[in-house]
C-alpha atoms as a PDB file:
ATOM      1  CA  MET A   1       0.000   0.000   0.000  1.00  0.00           C
ATOM      2  CA  ASP A   2       3.037   2.252   0.291  1.00  0.00           C
ATOM      3  CA  HIS A   3       3.051   4.467  -2.801  1.00  0.00           C
ATOM      4  CA  GLY A   4       4.416   7.617  -1.211  1.00  0.00           C
ATOM      5  CA  PHE A   5       6.857  10.279  -2.173  1.00  0.00           C
ATOM      6  CA  CYS A   6       8.409  10.908   1.248  1.00  0.00           C
ATOM      7  CA  ARG A   7      12.159  11.096   1.388  1.00  0.00           C
ATOM      8  CA  GLY A   8      14.400   9.340   3.884  1.00  0.00           C
ATOM      9  CA  LEU A   9      11.790   8.486   6.499  1.00  0.00           C
ATOM     10  CA  PHE A  10      13.910   6.551   8.927  1.00  0.00           C
ATOM     11  CA  SER A  11      16.926   8.829   8.601  1.00  0.00           C
ATOM     12  CA  VAL A  12      14.645  11.721   9.575  1.00  0.00           C
ATOM     13  CA  LEU A  13      13.148   9.770  12.478  1.00  0.00           C
ATOM     14  CA  PHE A  14      16.450   8.727  13.960  1.00  0.00           C
ATOM     15  CA  PHE A  15      17.879  12.218  13.487  1.00  0.00           C
ATOM     16  CA  VAL A  16      15.016  13.811  15.364  1.00  0.00           C
ATOM     17  CA  ILE A  17      15.112  11.235  18.149  1.00  0.00           C
ATOM     18  CA  SER A  18      18.782  11.982  18.744  1.00  0.00           C
ATOM     19  CA  HIS A  19      18.512  15.742  18.112  1.00  0.00           C
ATOM     20  CA  PRO A  20      19.191  17.695  21.331  1.00  0.00           C
ATOM     21  CA  LYS A  21      16.617  20.348  20.415  1.00  0.00           C
ATOM     22  CA  THR A  22      13.254  18.650  20.495  1.00  0.00           C
ATOM     23  CA  LEU A  23       9.929  19.989  21.614  1.00  0.00           C
ATOM     24  CA  CYS A  24       9.899  17.353  24.328  1.00  0.00           C
ATOM     25  CA  GLN A  25      12.605  19.276  26.165  1.00  0.00           C
ATOM     26  CA  LYS A  26      10.348  22.318  26.366  1.00  0.00           C
ATOM     27  CA  THR A  27       7.806  22.462  29.152  1.00  0.00           C
ATOM     28  CA  GLU A  28       6.189  25.645  27.912  1.00  0.00           C
ATOM     29  CA  LEU A  29       6.104  27.809  24.789  1.00  0.00           C
ATOM     30  CA  GLN A  30       4.904  31.383  24.927  1.00  0.00           C
ATOM     31  CA  PHE A  31       3.640  33.304  21.903  1.00  0.00           C
ATOM     32  CA  THR A  32       3.329  36.821  23.306  1.00  0.00           C
ATOM     33  CA  GLU A  33       4.690  40.126  22.138  1.00  0.00           C
ATOM     34  CA  GLU A  34       7.085  40.102  25.099  1.00  0.00           C
ATOM     35  CA  VAL A  35       8.968  37.049  23.841  1.00  0.00           C
ATOM     36  CA  LYS A  36      12.395  38.009  22.587  1.00  0.00           C
ATOM     37  CA  ALA A  37      13.105  37.468  18.897  1.00  0.00           C
ATOM     38  CA  ILE A  38      15.680  34.760  19.618  1.00  0.00           C
ATOM     39  CA  ASP A  39      13.192  32.889  21.816  1.00  0.00           C
ATOM     40  CA  ARG A  40      10.566  33.157  19.112  1.00  0.00           C
ATOM     41  CA  GLU A  41      12.980  31.715  16.554  1.00  0.00           C
ATOM     42  CA  GLU A  42      13.855  28.835  18.862  1.00  0.00           C
ATOM     43  CA  ALA A  43      10.185  28.126  19.528  1.00  0.00           C
ATOM     44  CA  CYS A  44       9.508  28.164  15.794  1.00  0.00           C
ATOM     45  CA  GLU A  45      12.342  25.723  15.127  1.00  0.00           C
ATOM     46  CA  LEU A  46      11.180  23.350  17.857  1.00  0.00           C
ATOM     47  CA  LEU A  47       7.619  23.320  16.564  1.00  0.00           C
ATOM     48  CA  LEU A  48       8.742  22.750  12.982  1.00  0.00           C
ATOM     49  CA  VAL A  49      11.025  19.852  13.904  1.00  0.00           C
ATOM     50  CA  ASN A  50       8.421  18.289  16.182  1.00  0.00           C
ATOM     51  CA  ARG A  51       5.593  18.318  13.645  1.00  0.00           C
ATOM     52  CA  ASN A  52       7.943  17.012  10.950  1.00  0.00           C
ATOM     53  CA  TYR A  53       8.799  14.052  13.159  1.00  0.00           C
ATOM     54  CA  LEU A  54       5.141  13.294  13.885  1.00  0.00           C
ATOM     55  CA  TYR A  55       4.020  13.537  10.260  1.00  0.00           C
ATOM     56  CA  GLN A  56       6.845  11.283   9.106  1.00  0.00           C
ATOM     57  CA  LEU A  57       5.867   8.842  11.829  1.00  0.00           C
ATOM     58  CA  MET A  58       2.149   8.856  11.008  1.00  0.00           C
ATOM     59  CA  TYR A  59       2.833   8.459   7.298  1.00  0.00           C
ATOM     60  CA  LYS A  60       4.920   5.398   8.040  1.00  0.00           C
ATOM     61  CA  ALA A  61       2.228   4.052  10.380  1.00  0.00           C
ATOM     62  CA  PHE A  62      -0.404   3.875   7.651  1.00  0.00           C
ATOM     63  CA  ALA A  63       1.751   3.263   4.566  1.00  0.00           C
ATOM     64  CA  ARG A  64       2.193  -0.472   5.133  1.00  0.00           C
ATOM     65  CA  GLU A  65       1.721  -3.138   7.752  1.00  0.00           C
ATOM     66  CA  PRO A  66       4.033  -2.695  10.734  1.00  0.00           C
ATOM     67  CA  ASP A  67       7.348  -4.398  11.337  1.00  0.00           C
ATOM     68  CA  PRO A  68       9.464  -4.621  14.510  1.00  0.00           C
ATOM     69  CA  ALA A  69      11.671  -1.663  13.509  1.00  0.00           C
ATOM     70  CA  PHE A  70       8.694   0.661  13.122  1.00  0.00           C
ATOM     71  CA  LEU A  71       7.044  -0.499  16.352  1.00  0.00           C
ATOM     72  CA  SER A  72      10.300   0.219  18.148  1.00  0.00           C
ATOM     73  CA  ILE A  73      10.207   3.833  16.918  1.00  0.00           C
ATOM     74  CA  LEU A  74       6.481   4.179  17.583  1.00  0.00           C
ATOM     75  CA  THR A  75       6.823   3.015  21.182  1.00  0.00           C
ATOM     76  CA  ALA A  76       9.983   5.013  21.973  1.00  0.00           C
ATOM     77  CA  PRO A  77       9.408   7.375  24.944  1.00  0.00           C
ATOM     78  CA  HIS A  78      10.265  10.337  22.713  1.00  0.00           C
ATOM     79  CA  THR A  79       7.227   9.669  20.525  1.00  0.00           C
ATOM     80  CA  GLY A  80       4.770   9.634  23.402  1.00  0.00           C
ATOM     81  CA  GLU A  81       6.241  12.792  24.865  1.00  0.00           C
ATOM     82  CA  CYS A  82       5.974  14.649  21.550  1.00  0.00           C
ATOM     83  CA  PHE A  83       2.298  13.789  21.285  1.00  0.00           C
ATOM     84  CA  SER A  84       1.436  14.512  24.923  1.00  0.00           C
ATOM     85  CA  LEU A  85       3.050  17.946  24.954  1.00  0.00           C
ATOM     86  CA  LEU A  86       0.595  19.078  22.294  1.00  0.00           C
ATOM     87  CA  GLY A  87      -2.092  18.824  24.973  1.00  0.00           C
ATOM     88  CA  GLY A  88      -5.602  17.445  25.028  1.00  0.00           C
ATOM     89  CA  GLU A  89      -7.034  14.356  26.692  1.00  0.00           C
ATOM     90  CA  VAL A  90      -6.326  11.951  23.832  1.00  0.00           C
ATOM     91  CA  LEU A  91      -2.747  13.058  23.163  1.00  0.00           C
ATOM     92  CA  GLU A  92      -1.796  13.297  26.831  1.00  0.00           C
ATOM     93  CA  ALA A  93      -2.751   9.627  27.229  1.00  0.00           C
ATOM     94  CA  VAL A  94      -0.473   8.512  24.381  1.00  0.00           C
ATOM     95  CA  PRO A  95       2.713   7.859  26.452  1.00  0.00           C
ATOM     96  CA  ALA A  96       0.971   5.367  28.738  1.00  0.00           C
ATOM     97  CA  TYR A  97      -0.672   3.617  25.807  1.00  0.00           C
ATOM     98  CA  LEU A  98       2.567   3.342  23.820  1.00  0.00           C
ATOM     99  CA  ALA A  99       4.413   2.112  26.910  1.00  0.00           C
ATOM    100  CA  ARG A 100       1.924  -0.746  27.248  1.00  0.00           C
ATOM    101  CA  LEU A 101       2.256  -1.518  23.563  1.00  0.00           C
ATOM    102  CA  GLY A 102       6.039  -1.447  23.792  1.00  0.00           C
ATOM    103  CA  ALA A 103       6.043  -3.876  26.693  1.00  0.00           C
ATOM    104  CA  GLU A 104       4.528  -6.579  24.494  1.00  0.00           C
ATOM    105  CA  ARG A 105       5.981  -5.770  21.100  1.00  0.00           C
ATOM    106  CA  GLU A 106       8.584  -8.534  21.449  1.00  0.00           C
ATOM    107  CA  LYS A 107       5.859 -11.129  21.422  1.00  0.00           C
ATOM    108  CA  GLU A 108       5.469 -12.568  17.957  1.00  0.00           C
ATOM    109  CA  LYS A 109       1.750 -13.113  18.462  1.00  0.00           C
ATOM    110  CA  ALA A 110       1.198  -9.418  19.254  1.00  0.00           C
ATOM    111  CA  LEU A 111       2.893  -8.325  16.034  1.00  0.00           C
ATOM    112  CA  GLU A 112       0.909 -10.819  13.988  1.00  0.00           C
ATOM    113  CA  ASP A 113      -2.324  -9.569  15.567  1.00  0.00           C
ATOM    114  CA  ILE A 114      -1.438  -5.996  14.615  1.00  0.00           C
ATOM    115  CA  LYS A 115      -0.574  -6.992  11.045  1.00  0.00           C
ATOM    116  CA  GLU A 116      -3.871  -8.833  10.775  1.00  0.00           C
ATOM    117  CA  GLU A 117      -5.722  -5.777  12.039  1.00  0.00           C
ATOM    118  CA  TYR A 118      -3.996  -3.554   9.459  1.00  0.00           C
ATOM    119  CA  THR A 119      -5.078  -5.878   6.650  1.00  0.00           C
ATOM    120  CA  ARG A 120      -8.610  -6.213   7.964  1.00  0.00           C
ATOM    121  CA  LEU A 121      -9.157  -2.463   8.319  1.00  0.00           C
ATOM    122  CA  PHE A 122      -7.332  -1.046   5.310  1.00  0.00           C
ATOM    123  CA  VAL A 123      -6.807  -3.773   2.705  1.00  0.00           C
ATOM    124  CA  GLY A 124      -9.393  -6.542   2.740  1.00  0.00           C
ATOM    125  CA  PRO A 125      -9.526  -9.627   1.971  1.00  0.00           C
ATOM    126  CA  ILE A 126     -12.763  -8.688   0.225  1.00  0.00           C
ATOM    127  CA  GLU A 127     -13.136  -5.031   1.120  1.00  0.00           C
ATOM    128  CA  PRO A 128     -11.550  -3.040   3.951  1.00  0.00           C
ATOM    129  CA  GLU A 129     -13.623  -2.312   7.033  1.00  0.00           C
ATOM    130  CA  ALA A 130     -12.200   1.234   7.214  1.00  0.00           C
ATOM    131  CA  PRO A 131     -11.393   2.289   3.628  1.00  0.00           C
ATOM    132  CA  PRO A 132      -8.402   4.677   3.768  1.00  0.00           C
ATOM    133  CA  TRP A 133      -9.358   6.974   0.858  1.00  0.00           C
ATOM    134  CA  GLU A 134     -10.831  10.460   1.072  1.00  0.00           C
ATOM    135  CA  SER A 135     -13.209  10.037  -1.872  1.00  0.00           C
ATOM    136  CA  VAL A 136     -15.035   7.216  -0.064  1.00  0.00           C
ATOM    137  CA  TYR A 137     -16.152   9.694   2.595  1.00  0.00           C
ATOM    138  CA  VAL A 138     -16.684  12.916   0.655  1.00  0.00           C
ATOM    139  CA  GLY A 139     -17.824  11.662  -2.760  1.00  0.00           C
ATOM    140  CA  GLU A 140     -20.943   9.905  -3.968  1.00  0.00           C
ATOM    141  CA  GLY A 141     -21.535   6.207  -3.482  1.00  0.00           C
ATOM    142  CA  GLY A 142     -18.363   5.516  -1.523  1.00  0.00           C
ATOM    143  CA  LEU A 143     -16.315   5.167  -4.724  1.00  0.00           C
ATOM    144  CA  LEU A 144     -12.660   5.837  -5.529  1.00  0.00           C
ATOM    145  CA  PHE A 145     -11.203   8.235  -8.127  1.00  0.00           C
ATOM    146  CA  GLN A 146     -13.786  10.985  -7.838  1.00  0.00           C
ATOM    147  CA  GLU A 147     -13.498  14.772  -8.061  1.00  0.00           C
ATOM    148  CA  SER A 148     -11.873  14.965  -4.619  1.00  0.00           C
ATOM    149  CA  THR A 149      -9.100  12.677  -5.867  1.00  0.00           C
ATOM    150  CA  LEU A 150      -8.246  15.115  -8.654  1.00  0.00           C
ATOM    151  CA  LYS A 151      -8.258  18.049  -6.228  1.00  0.00           C
ATOM    152  CA  VAL A 152      -5.757  16.233  -4.026  1.00  0.00           C
ATOM    153  CA  ARG A 153      -3.585  15.443  -7.056  1.00  0.00           C
ATOM    154  CA  GLU A 154      -3.555  19.124  -7.972  1.00  0.00           C
ATOM    155  CA  CYS A 155      -2.300  19.984  -4.482  1.00  0.00           C
ATOM    156  CA  TYR A 156       0.596  17.618  -5.035  1.00  0.00           C
ATOM    157  CA  ARG A 157       1.327  19.036  -8.499  1.00  0.00           C
ATOM    158  CA  ARG A 158       1.602  22.559  -7.101  1.00  0.00           C
ATOM    159  CA  PHE A 159       4.705  21.409  -5.255  1.00  0.00           C
ATOM    160  CA  GLY A 160       6.096  19.276  -8.072  1.00  0.00           C
ATOM    161  CA  LEU A 161       4.960  16.002  -6.532  1.00  0.00           C
ATOM    162  CA  LEU A 162       3.222  12.924  -7.828  1.00  0.00           C
ATOM    163  CA  PRO A 163       2.802   9.505  -6.205  1.00  0.00           C
ATOM    164  CA  GLU A 164       5.303   6.980  -7.495  1.00  0.00           C
ATOM    165  CA  GLU A 165       2.460   4.916  -9.026  1.00  0.00           C
ATOM    166  CA  TYR A 166      -0.087   7.669  -9.530  1.00  0.00           C
ATOM    167  CA  ARG A 167      -1.659   6.079 -12.590  1.00  0.00           C
ATOM    168  CA  ARG A 168      -2.488   2.952 -10.604  1.00  0.00           C
ATOM    169  CA  VAL A 169      -3.252   4.257  -7.105  1.00  0.00           C
ATOM    170  CA  ALA A 170      -5.750   6.761  -5.738  1.00  0.00           C
ATOM    171  CA  ASP A 171      -3.995  10.017  -4.876  1.00  0.00           C
ATOM    172  CA  ASP A 172      -6.242  10.598  -1.858  1.00  0.00           C
ATOM    173  CA  SER A 173      -5.204   7.605   0.238  1.00  0.00           C
ATOM    174  CA  LEU A 174      -4.440   8.253   3.898  1.00  0.00           C
ATOM    175  CA  ALA A 175      -0.784   7.295   3.441  1.00  0.00           C
ATOM    176  CA  LEU A 176      -0.284   9.623   0.481  1.00  0.00           C
ATOM    177  CA  GLU A 177      -1.998  12.577   2.125  1.00  0.00           C
ATOM    178  CA  LEU A 178       0.164  12.125   5.218  1.00  0.00           C
ATOM    179  CA  ALA A 179       3.219  11.755   2.964  1.00  0.00           C
ATOM    180  CA  PHE A 180       2.335  15.116   1.415  1.00  0.00           C
ATOM    181  CA  MET A 181       2.046  16.742   4.840  1.00  0.00           C
ATOM    182  CA  ALA A 182       5.372  15.170   5.814  1.00  0.00           C
ATOM    183  CA  GLU A 183       6.976  16.599   2.663  1.00  0.00           C
ATOM    184  CA  LEU A 184       5.552  20.055   3.345  1.00  0.00           C
ATOM    185  CA  SER A 185       6.752  19.888   6.939  1.00  0.00           C
ATOM    186  CA  GLN A 186      10.260  18.959   5.778  1.00  0.00           C
ATOM    187  CA  ARG A 187      10.256  21.849   3.323  1.00  0.00           C
ATOM    188  CA  SER A 188       9.191  24.146   6.151  1.00  0.00           C
ATOM    189  CA  VAL A 189      12.160  22.979   8.235  1.00  0.00           C
ATOM    190  CA  ASP A 190      14.493  23.484   5.263  1.00  0.00           C
ATOM    191  CA  ALA A 191      13.107  26.980   4.609  1.00  0.00           C
ATOM    192  CA  PHE A 192      13.524  27.956   8.249  1.00  0.00           C
ATOM    193  CA  GLU A 193      17.096  26.711   8.368  1.00  0.00           C
ATOM    194  CA  GLY A 194      17.835  28.525   5.097  1.00  0.00           C
ATOM    195  CA  LYS A 195      16.174  31.728   6.388  1.00  0.00           C
ATOM    196  CA  GLU A 196      13.797  31.652   3.412  1.00  0.00           C
ATOM    197  CA  VAL A 197      10.918  33.373   5.165  1.00  0.00           C
ATOM    198  CA  GLY A 198       8.673  33.639   2.103  1.00  0.00           C
ATOM    199  CA  THR A 199       9.024  29.928   1.326  1.00  0.00           C
ATOM    200  CA  LEU A 200       8.361  29.101   4.963  1.00  0.00           C
ATOM    201  CA  SER A 201       5.090  31.020   4.908  1.00  0.00           C
ATOM    202  CA  GLN A 202       4.117  29.395   1.607  1.00  0.00           C
ATOM    203  CA  THR A 203       4.627  25.841   2.872  1.00  0.00           C
ATOM    204  CA  LEU A 204       2.870  26.556   6.168  1.00  0.00           C
ATOM    205  CA  GLU A 205      -0.120  28.079   4.386  1.00  0.00           C
ATOM    206  CA  ALA A 206      -0.289  25.103   2.004  1.00  0.00           C
ATOM    207  CA  ALA A 207      -0.238  22.702   4.956  1.00  0.00           C
ATOM    208  CA  ARG A 208      -2.993  24.651   6.718  1.00  0.00           C
ATOM    209  CA  ASP A 209      -5.147  24.688   3.589  1.00  0.00           C
ATOM    210  CA  PHE A 210      -4.631  20.972   2.965  1.00  0.00           C
ATOM    211  CA  LEU A 211      -5.612  20.196   6.536  1.00  0.00           C
ATOM    212  CA  THR A 212      -8.805  22.219   6.436  1.00  0.00           C
ATOM    213  CA  GLU A 213      -9.851  21.243   2.915  1.00  0.00           C
ATOM    214  CA  HIS A 214      -8.924  17.564   3.025  1.00  0.00           C
ATOM    215  CA  LEU A 215      -7.582  15.669   6.045  1.00  0.00           C
ATOM    216  CA  LEU A 216      -9.764  17.304   8.683  1.00  0.00           C
ATOM    217  CA  VAL A 217     -12.812  16.764   6.481  1.00  0.00           C
ATOM    218  CA  TRP A 218     -12.622  12.978   6.360  1.00  0.00           C
ATOM    219  CA  ILE A 219     -10.250  11.634   9.025  1.00  0.00           C
ATOM    220  CA  PRO A 220     -12.882  12.003  11.790  1.00  0.00           C
ATOM    221  CA  GLN A 221     -15.224   9.839   9.690  1.00  0.00           C
ATOM    222  CA  LEU A 222     -12.500   7.268   9.089  1.00  0.00           C
ATOM    223  CA  SER A 223     -11.709   7.181  12.793  1.00  0.00           C
ATOM    224  CA  ARG A 224     -15.354   6.580  13.713  1.00  0.00           C
ATOM    225  CA  LYS A 225     -15.611   3.822  11.129  1.00  0.00           C
ATOM    226  CA  ALA A 226     -12.522   2.056  12.470  1.00  0.00           C
ATOM    227  CA  ALA A 227     -13.876   2.371  16.006  1.00  0.00           C
ATOM    228  CA  LYS A 228     -16.894   0.275  14.976  1.00  0.00           C
ATOM    229  CA  ALA A 229     -14.714  -2.602  13.784  1.00  0.00           C
ATOM    230  CA  LYS A 230     -14.438  -5.639  16.032  1.00  0.00           C
ATOM    231  CA  THR A 231     -10.768  -5.018  16.672  1.00  0.00           C
ATOM    232  CA  ASP A 232      -8.840  -2.493  18.752  1.00  0.00           C
ATOM    233  CA  ARG A 233      -5.278  -3.763  18.787  1.00  0.00           C
ATOM    234  CA  LEU A 234      -3.550  -0.634  17.459  1.00  0.00           C
ATOM    235  CA  TYR A 235      -5.071   1.121  14.461  1.00  0.00           C
ATOM    236  CA  PRO A 236      -8.447   2.312  15.783  1.00  0.00           C
ATOM    237  CA  ARG A 237      -6.550   3.947  18.665  1.00  0.00           C
ATOM    238  CA  LEU A 238      -3.914   5.293  16.279  1.00  0.00           C
ATOM    239  CA  LEU A 239      -6.623   6.904  14.163  1.00  0.00           C
ATOM    240  CA  ARG A 240      -8.050   8.630  17.242  1.00  0.00           C
ATOM    241  CA  ILE A 241      -4.558   9.885  17.999  1.00  0.00           C
ATOM    242  CA  LEU A 242      -4.160  11.068  14.395  1.00  0.00           C
ATOM    243  CA  ASP A 243      -7.497  12.885  14.500  1.00  0.00           C
ATOM    244  CA  SER A 244      -6.479  14.743  17.663  1.00  0.00           C
ATOM    245  CA  PHE A 245      -3.013  15.480  16.315  1.00  0.00           C
ATOM    246  CA  LEU A 246      -4.359  17.005  13.094  1.00  0.00           C
ATOM    247  CA  LYS A 247      -6.670  19.309  15.027  1.00  0.00           C
ATOM    248  CA  LYS A 248      -3.798  20.393  17.257  1.00  0.00           C
ATOM    249  CA  ASP A 249      -1.547  20.861  14.249  1.00  0.00           C
ATOM    250  CA  LEU A 250      -3.986  23.364  12.800  1.00  0.00           C
ATOM    251  CA  GLU A 251      -3.482  25.434  15.949  1.00  0.00           C
ATOM    252  CA  THR A 252       0.279  24.963  15.659  1.00  0.00           C
ATOM    253  CA  LEU A 253       0.245  26.106  12.032  1.00  0.00           C
ATOM    254  CA  ASN A 254      -1.633  29.259  12.957  1.00  0.00           C
ATOM    255  CA  ASP A 255       0.994  30.011  15.628  1.00  0.00           C
ATOM    256  CA  LEU A 256       3.821  29.330  13.191  1.00  0.00           C
ATOM    257  CA  LEU A 257       2.271  31.548  10.543  1.00  0.00           C
ATOM    258  CA  VAL A 258       2.056  34.425  13.020  1.00  0.00           C
ATOM    259  CA  MET A 259       5.761  33.990  13.767  1.00  0.00           C
ATOM    260  CA  ALA A 260       6.630  33.660  10.077  1.00  0.00           C
ATOM    261  CA  LYS A 261       4.729  36.836   9.213  1.00  0.00           C
ATOM    262  CA  LYS A 262       6.631  38.709  11.900  1.00  0.00           C
ATOM    263  CA  GLY A 263       9.814  37.412  10.326  1.00  0.00           C
ATOM    264  CA  GLU A 264       8.701  38.668   6.908  1.00  0.00           C
ATOM    265  CA  ASN A 265       7.924  42.093   8.318  1.00  0.00           C
ATOM    266  CA  ALA A 266      11.317  42.216  10.011  1.00  0.00           C
ATOM    267  CA  HIS A 267      12.997  41.634   6.638  1.00  0.00           C
ATOM    268  CA  ASP A 268      11.017  44.368   4.871  1.00  0.00           C
END
């Protein structure tokens, strides 16, 4: 099911886990006029790196069935801390949930159960119980390759992106949409590090628009559908976490855009 266009997923993950400047080391971020410019820049960098890590992680989570290497990253304490510091009841409970999952990940039966759940929800054997395509939820008749699919493809094209097998896969799959957000988040990090303030604002605005026009429109429906399935090993919970994360990320993007605009004004 992995037909993404993300670059270097695991190199990014391991870099962020070992990076000394992570959001998890911050207990509080202030976005007031009194914050010094250097503090604002540091806060911006921490938020950009943190959301890049989480989008890369969530893309990987839904791109293919899990393996031991991915579960090791998913259940690392760093991951739970990054989610919980975003706030909210669902995200604050993530560390305890991932710790429980990590305690049993060495058991072969547990991994096989999770793989089976992934297939049951998102692949089939006949038809998936929680179809992971936007058009199923926003189009007519629950079909693939509808108008929404073309709108998503156009979003990708604007940034010079196409799925590796775009002629054979639906552009609006959950994995591909998260891959797109991961790519935008990486470009935001690159723009910040390169002091390209205009590009930073452009990528942040594109991410905000894609969230509001696409992911936040259908992920809540997908999450509710998965919750009705007769399985709750990992993915129904992970979809609830994703739903909460996306809503929090919209708030984060608005904060980042305020900081980016101040940076633009400072350069004028």
